[in-house]
N, C-alpha and C. Protein backbone atom coordinates (compact mmCIF):
# COMPACT_ATOMS: atom_id res chain seq x y z
N GLN A 1 18.17 -4.48 6.91
CA GLN A 1 17.49 -3.27 6.50
C GLN A 1 17.00 -3.45 5.07
N VAL A 2 15.89 -2.77 4.74
CA VAL A 2 15.32 -2.90 3.41
C VAL A 2 14.95 -1.52 2.90
N GLN A 3 15.22 -1.27 1.63
CA GLN A 3 14.81 -0.01 0.97
C GLN A 3 13.55 -0.27 0.16
N LEU A 4 12.65 0.71 0.18
CA LEU A 4 11.36 0.59 -0.49
C LEU A 4 11.16 1.78 -1.42
N VAL A 5 10.70 1.49 -2.64
CA VAL A 5 10.45 2.56 -3.61
C VAL A 5 9.07 2.35 -4.22
N GLU A 6 8.18 3.31 -4.00
CA GLU A 6 6.83 3.24 -4.55
C GLU A 6 6.78 3.90 -5.93
N SER A 7 5.82 3.45 -6.73
CA SER A 7 5.57 4.06 -8.02
C SER A 7 4.13 3.78 -8.42
N GLY A 8 3.66 4.49 -9.44
CA GLY A 8 2.33 4.22 -9.97
C GLY A 8 1.25 5.22 -9.60
N GLY A 9 1.59 6.18 -8.77
CA GLY A 9 0.59 7.17 -8.39
C GLY A 9 0.25 8.07 -9.57
N GLY A 10 -0.80 8.88 -9.38
CA GLY A 10 -1.20 9.80 -10.43
C GLY A 10 -2.57 10.37 -10.19
N LEU A 11 -3.12 10.98 -11.24
CA LEU A 11 -4.44 11.59 -11.20
C LEU A 11 -5.43 10.70 -11.93
N VAL A 12 -6.57 10.44 -11.30
CA VAL A 12 -7.59 9.59 -11.90
C VAL A 12 -8.96 10.12 -11.53
N GLN A 13 -9.93 9.89 -12.38
CA GLN A 13 -11.29 10.31 -12.08
C GLN A 13 -11.95 9.33 -11.12
N ALA A 14 -12.92 9.83 -10.41
CA ALA A 14 -13.68 8.98 -9.50
C ALA A 14 -14.28 7.81 -10.28
N GLY A 15 -14.20 6.63 -9.68
CA GLY A 15 -14.66 5.41 -10.33
C GLY A 15 -13.58 4.69 -11.10
N GLY A 16 -12.45 5.35 -11.28
CA GLY A 16 -11.35 4.76 -12.03
C GLY A 16 -10.48 3.86 -11.19
N SER A 17 -9.38 3.42 -11.80
CA SER A 17 -8.47 2.47 -11.16
C SER A 17 -7.02 2.92 -11.30
N LEU A 18 -6.21 2.51 -10.35
CA LEU A 18 -4.76 2.70 -10.39
C LEU A 18 -4.11 1.49 -9.75
N ARG A 19 -2.90 1.20 -10.16
CA ARG A 19 -2.11 0.16 -9.50
C ARG A 19 -0.80 0.75 -9.03
N LEU A 20 -0.57 0.67 -7.75
CA LEU A 20 0.68 1.10 -7.16
C LEU A 20 1.63 -0.08 -7.03
N SER A 21 2.92 0.20 -7.13
CA SER A 21 3.94 -0.81 -6.94
C SER A 21 4.91 -0.36 -5.87
N CYS A 22 5.46 -1.31 -5.17
CA CYS A 22 6.49 -1.04 -4.16
C CYS A 22 7.61 -2.04 -4.37
N ALA A 23 8.74 -1.55 -4.82
CA ALA A 23 9.90 -2.41 -5.05
C ALA A 23 10.76 -2.42 -3.80
N ALA A 24 11.05 -3.61 -3.31
CA ALA A 24 11.86 -3.77 -2.10
C ALA A 24 13.25 -4.28 -2.46
N SER A 25 14.23 -3.88 -1.67
CA SER A 25 15.60 -4.32 -1.93
C SER A 25 15.85 -5.73 -1.39
N ARG A 26 14.96 -6.21 -0.51
CA ARG A 26 15.09 -7.55 0.05
C ARG A 26 13.71 -8.16 0.17
N SER A 27 13.68 -9.47 0.30
CA SER A 27 12.41 -10.19 0.39
C SER A 27 12.15 -10.63 1.84
N ASN A 28 11.10 -11.42 2.01
CA ASN A 28 10.77 -12.04 3.28
C ASN A 28 10.35 -11.06 4.38
N TYR A 29 9.75 -9.96 3.97
CA TYR A 29 9.19 -9.01 4.92
C TYR A 29 7.68 -8.99 4.77
N HIS A 30 6.98 -8.81 5.88
CA HIS A 30 5.56 -8.49 5.80
C HIS A 30 5.46 -7.05 5.29
N MET A 31 4.48 -6.82 4.41
CA MET A 31 4.40 -5.51 3.76
C MET A 31 3.02 -4.90 3.96
N ALA A 32 2.97 -3.58 3.91
CA ALA A 32 1.70 -2.89 4.10
C ALA A 32 1.69 -1.60 3.29
N TRP A 33 0.47 -1.13 3.07
CA TRP A 33 0.28 0.20 2.49
C TRP A 33 -0.43 1.07 3.53
N PHE A 34 0.06 2.28 3.63
CA PHE A 34 -0.58 3.31 4.45
C PHE A 34 -0.85 4.51 3.54
N ARG A 35 -1.67 5.42 4.02
CA ARG A 35 -1.90 6.65 3.26
C ARG A 35 -2.08 7.82 4.21
N GLN A 36 -1.78 8.99 3.70
CA GLN A 36 -1.95 10.20 4.50
C GLN A 36 -2.50 11.30 3.61
N ALA A 37 -3.69 11.76 3.94
CA ALA A 37 -4.32 12.87 3.24
C ALA A 37 -3.89 14.18 3.89
N PRO A 38 -4.02 15.28 3.17
CA PRO A 38 -3.62 16.58 3.74
C PRO A 38 -4.34 16.86 5.05
N GLU A 39 -3.57 17.27 6.03
CA GLU A 39 -4.07 17.65 7.35
C GLU A 39 -4.76 16.51 8.08
N LYS A 40 -4.45 15.27 7.70
CA LYS A 40 -4.99 14.11 8.39
C LYS A 40 -3.86 13.22 8.84
N GLU A 41 -4.14 12.37 9.80
CA GLU A 41 -3.13 11.43 10.27
C GLU A 41 -2.97 10.30 9.26
N ARG A 42 -1.80 9.72 9.29
CA ARG A 42 -1.54 8.56 8.43
C ARG A 42 -2.45 7.42 8.86
N GLU A 43 -3.01 6.71 7.89
CA GLU A 43 -3.89 5.59 8.22
C GLU A 43 -3.48 4.32 7.49
N PHE A 44 -3.74 3.23 8.12
CA PHE A 44 -3.47 1.90 7.57
C PHE A 44 -4.45 1.62 6.44
N VAL A 45 -3.94 1.02 5.34
CA VAL A 45 -4.79 0.64 4.21
C VAL A 45 -4.95 -0.88 4.14
N ASP A 46 -3.84 -1.56 4.01
CA ASP A 46 -3.88 -3.02 3.95
C ASP A 46 -2.48 -3.59 4.13
N ALA A 47 -2.41 -4.91 4.30
CA ALA A 47 -1.14 -5.57 4.54
C ALA A 47 -1.16 -6.98 3.98
N ILE A 48 0.04 -7.50 3.73
CA ILE A 48 0.18 -8.86 3.22
C ILE A 48 1.38 -9.49 3.90
N ASN A 49 1.26 -10.78 4.24
CA ASN A 49 2.39 -11.41 4.92
C ASN A 49 3.49 -11.74 3.92
N TRP A 50 4.63 -12.21 4.45
CA TRP A 50 5.81 -12.36 3.61
C TRP A 50 5.61 -13.36 2.47
N SER A 51 4.76 -14.37 2.71
CA SER A 51 4.57 -15.40 1.69
C SER A 51 3.41 -15.09 0.76
N GLY A 52 2.63 -14.08 1.08
CA GLY A 52 1.49 -13.74 0.25
C GLY A 52 0.24 -14.55 0.52
N THR A 53 0.24 -15.31 1.60
CA THR A 53 -0.90 -16.19 1.90
C THR A 53 -1.93 -15.54 2.81
N ARG A 54 -1.59 -14.42 3.40
CA ARG A 54 -2.51 -13.74 4.32
C ARG A 54 -2.56 -12.26 4.00
N THR A 55 -3.77 -11.70 4.02
CA THR A 55 -3.95 -10.27 3.79
C THR A 55 -4.91 -9.70 4.83
N TYR A 56 -4.89 -8.39 4.95
CA TYR A 56 -5.75 -7.72 5.92
C TYR A 56 -6.04 -6.33 5.38
N TYR A 57 -7.32 -5.91 5.44
CA TYR A 57 -7.74 -4.65 4.84
C TYR A 57 -8.46 -3.76 5.84
N ALA A 58 -8.26 -2.47 5.69
CA ALA A 58 -9.09 -1.51 6.41
C ALA A 58 -10.50 -1.56 5.83
N ASP A 59 -11.49 -1.33 6.67
CA ASP A 59 -12.88 -1.38 6.22
C ASP A 59 -13.14 -0.40 5.08
N SER A 60 -12.45 0.72 5.09
CA SER A 60 -12.71 1.76 4.10
C SER A 60 -12.32 1.36 2.68
N VAL A 61 -11.48 0.33 2.54
CA VAL A 61 -11.04 -0.08 1.20
C VAL A 61 -11.43 -1.50 0.86
N LYS A 62 -12.01 -2.20 1.80
CA LYS A 62 -12.36 -3.61 1.59
C LYS A 62 -13.33 -3.73 0.42
N GLY A 63 -13.02 -4.65 -0.50
CA GLY A 63 -13.85 -4.84 -1.68
C GLY A 63 -13.48 -3.97 -2.85
N ARG A 64 -12.64 -2.96 -2.62
CA ARG A 64 -12.21 -2.07 -3.71
C ARG A 64 -10.71 -2.19 -3.99
N PHE A 65 -9.92 -2.39 -2.95
CA PHE A 65 -8.47 -2.48 -3.08
C PHE A 65 -8.03 -3.93 -2.90
N THR A 66 -6.95 -4.29 -3.60
CA THR A 66 -6.36 -5.61 -3.47
C THR A 66 -4.86 -5.49 -3.36
N ILE A 67 -4.30 -6.07 -2.31
CA ILE A 67 -2.86 -6.11 -2.14
C ILE A 67 -2.35 -7.47 -2.59
N SER A 68 -1.21 -7.47 -3.27
CA SER A 68 -0.61 -8.73 -3.72
C SER A 68 0.89 -8.54 -3.77
N ARG A 69 1.59 -9.63 -4.00
CA ARG A 69 3.04 -9.54 -4.08
C ARG A 69 3.60 -10.56 -5.04
N ASP A 70 4.75 -10.23 -5.60
CA ASP A 70 5.51 -11.14 -6.45
C ASP A 70 6.89 -11.22 -5.82
N ASN A 71 7.14 -12.27 -5.06
CA ASN A 71 8.41 -12.37 -4.35
C ASN A 71 9.60 -12.61 -5.29
N ALA A 72 9.34 -13.11 -6.47
CA ALA A 72 10.43 -13.27 -7.44
C ALA A 72 10.95 -11.91 -7.88
N LYS A 73 10.09 -10.89 -7.81
CA LYS A 73 10.47 -9.54 -8.19
C LYS A 73 10.64 -8.63 -6.98
N ASN A 74 10.46 -9.17 -5.78
CA ASN A 74 10.53 -8.35 -4.55
C ASN A 74 9.63 -7.13 -4.66
N THR A 75 8.43 -7.33 -5.15
CA THR A 75 7.51 -6.21 -5.40
C THR A 75 6.13 -6.51 -4.82
N VAL A 76 5.57 -5.49 -4.21
CA VAL A 76 4.21 -5.55 -3.68
C VAL A 76 3.35 -4.59 -4.49
N TYR A 77 2.11 -4.99 -4.72
CA TYR A 77 1.21 -4.19 -5.53
C TYR A 77 -0.03 -3.79 -4.73
N LEU A 78 -0.59 -2.66 -5.10
CA LEU A 78 -1.88 -2.25 -4.56
C LEU A 78 -2.77 -1.89 -5.74
N GLN A 79 -3.72 -2.77 -6.04
CA GLN A 79 -4.69 -2.51 -7.09
C GLN A 79 -5.87 -1.77 -6.47
N MET A 80 -6.13 -0.58 -6.97
CA MET A 80 -7.19 0.26 -6.42
C MET A 80 -8.26 0.45 -7.48
N ASN A 81 -9.45 -0.03 -7.20
CA ASN A 81 -10.59 0.09 -8.10
C ASN A 81 -11.69 0.94 -7.45
N SER A 82 -12.60 1.40 -8.27
CA SER A 82 -13.73 2.21 -7.79
C SER A 82 -13.25 3.33 -6.88
N LEU A 83 -12.25 4.04 -7.35
CA LEU A 83 -11.64 5.09 -6.52
C LEU A 83 -12.61 6.23 -6.25
N LYS A 84 -12.46 6.79 -5.06
CA LYS A 84 -13.30 7.89 -4.60
C LYS A 84 -12.42 9.09 -4.29
N PRO A 85 -12.99 10.29 -4.34
CA PRO A 85 -12.18 11.48 -3.99
C PRO A 85 -11.54 11.37 -2.61
N GLU A 86 -12.21 10.71 -1.68
CA GLU A 86 -11.65 10.57 -0.33
C GLU A 86 -10.47 9.60 -0.27
N ASP A 87 -10.16 8.93 -1.38
CA ASP A 87 -8.95 8.10 -1.44
C ASP A 87 -7.72 8.93 -1.77
N THR A 88 -7.92 10.21 -2.06
CA THR A 88 -6.79 11.09 -2.37
C THR A 88 -5.86 11.19 -1.18
N ALA A 89 -4.58 10.88 -1.41
CA ALA A 89 -3.59 10.87 -0.33
C ALA A 89 -2.22 10.54 -0.92
N VAL A 90 -1.21 10.70 -0.09
CA VAL A 90 0.10 10.12 -0.40
C VAL A 90 0.08 8.70 0.15
N TYR A 91 0.42 7.76 -0.70
CA TYR A 91 0.42 6.35 -0.32
C TYR A 91 1.85 5.89 -0.05
N TYR A 92 2.03 5.25 1.09
CA TYR A 92 3.34 4.79 1.52
C TYR A 92 3.35 3.27 1.63
N CYS A 93 4.45 2.71 1.21
CA CYS A 93 4.72 1.30 1.40
C CYS A 93 5.56 1.14 2.66
N ALA A 94 5.31 0.07 3.41
CA ALA A 94 6.05 -0.16 4.64
C ALA A 94 6.37 -1.64 4.80
N ALA A 95 7.40 -1.94 5.57
CA ALA A 95 7.83 -3.32 5.77
C ALA A 95 8.17 -3.58 7.23
N ARG A 96 7.94 -4.83 7.65
CA ARG A 96 8.33 -5.26 8.97
C ARG A 96 8.68 -6.74 8.88
N ASN A 97 9.45 -7.23 9.79
CA ASN A 97 9.70 -8.67 9.87
C ASN A 97 9.21 -9.17 11.21
N GLY A 98 9.46 -10.42 11.48
CA GLY A 98 8.97 -10.98 12.73
C GLY A 98 7.55 -11.51 12.61
N LEU A 99 6.76 -11.34 13.63
CA LEU A 99 5.40 -11.88 13.67
C LEU A 99 4.50 -11.17 12.66
N TRP A 100 3.47 -11.89 12.18
CA TRP A 100 2.45 -11.32 11.30
C TRP A 100 1.48 -10.53 12.17
N LEU A 101 1.71 -9.22 12.21
CA LEU A 101 0.86 -8.28 12.93
C LEU A 101 0.52 -7.17 11.97
N PRO A 102 -0.53 -7.34 11.16
CA PRO A 102 -0.78 -6.40 10.07
C PRO A 102 -0.92 -4.95 10.49
N MET A 103 -1.39 -4.70 11.68
CA MET A 103 -1.50 -3.31 12.14
C MET A 103 -0.47 -2.99 13.21
N GLY A 104 0.59 -3.77 13.23
CA GLY A 104 1.67 -3.51 14.17
C GLY A 104 2.59 -2.42 13.68
N GLN A 105 3.72 -2.29 14.33
CA GLN A 105 4.68 -1.26 13.96
C GLN A 105 5.50 -1.71 12.75
N TYR A 106 5.66 -0.79 11.81
CA TYR A 106 6.48 -1.06 10.64
C TYR A 106 7.78 -0.28 10.76
N ASP A 107 8.86 -0.92 10.40
CA ASP A 107 10.18 -0.35 10.65
C ASP A 107 10.78 0.37 9.44
N TYR A 108 10.31 0.04 8.26
CA TYR A 108 10.89 0.60 7.05
C TYR A 108 9.79 1.19 6.19
N TRP A 109 10.10 2.35 5.59
CA TRP A 109 9.10 3.10 4.84
C TRP A 109 9.66 3.61 3.52
N GLY A 110 8.79 3.66 2.52
CA GLY A 110 9.16 4.29 1.27
C GLY A 110 8.92 5.79 1.34
N GLN A 111 9.18 6.46 0.22
CA GLN A 111 9.08 7.91 0.19
C GLN A 111 7.67 8.39 -0.13
N GLY A 112 6.82 7.49 -0.60
CA GLY A 112 5.43 7.82 -0.88
C GLY A 112 5.19 8.17 -2.34
N THR A 113 3.94 7.97 -2.76
CA THR A 113 3.53 8.33 -4.10
C THR A 113 2.13 8.95 -4.02
N GLN A 114 1.93 10.05 -4.73
CA GLN A 114 0.68 10.79 -4.64
C GLN A 114 -0.40 10.16 -5.50
N VAL A 115 -1.56 9.98 -4.91
CA VAL A 115 -2.75 9.54 -5.63
C VAL A 115 -3.81 10.63 -5.47
N THR A 116 -4.31 11.12 -6.59
CA THR A 116 -5.34 12.16 -6.57
C THR A 116 -6.54 11.68 -7.37
N VAL A 117 -7.69 11.69 -6.72
CA VAL A 117 -8.93 11.24 -7.36
C VAL A 117 -9.85 12.45 -7.52
N SER A 118 -10.16 12.79 -8.75
CA SER A 118 -11.01 13.95 -9.01
C SER A 118 -12.47 13.52 -9.09
N SER A 119 -13.34 14.44 -8.67
CA SER A 119 -14.78 14.13 -8.67
C SER A 119 -15.43 14.51 -9.98
């Protein structure tokens, strides 16, 4: 089992940047970011494999967001650039082990961090 703690959320103007962090209690998990806006379903944002050699992005964030990880710190990052008001959501970190299936089922979740983008 792995515990996940997100941080780095906040309020930013459109066009700005934020970096989210997800600290994990254990390593060697494939990691992903999801988000959920008010009255909308949770959606996949991006994912990175356990070694950091493979990534996968939703079309809505491709070219603007970058997922990375530092396994020495058991931490995954989400660098968000050129933010838009529609990026406003609670962002969740998630983990899974086993096969690299970026849009597969994730077994462990953080508590979420709020990102608000003002226009």
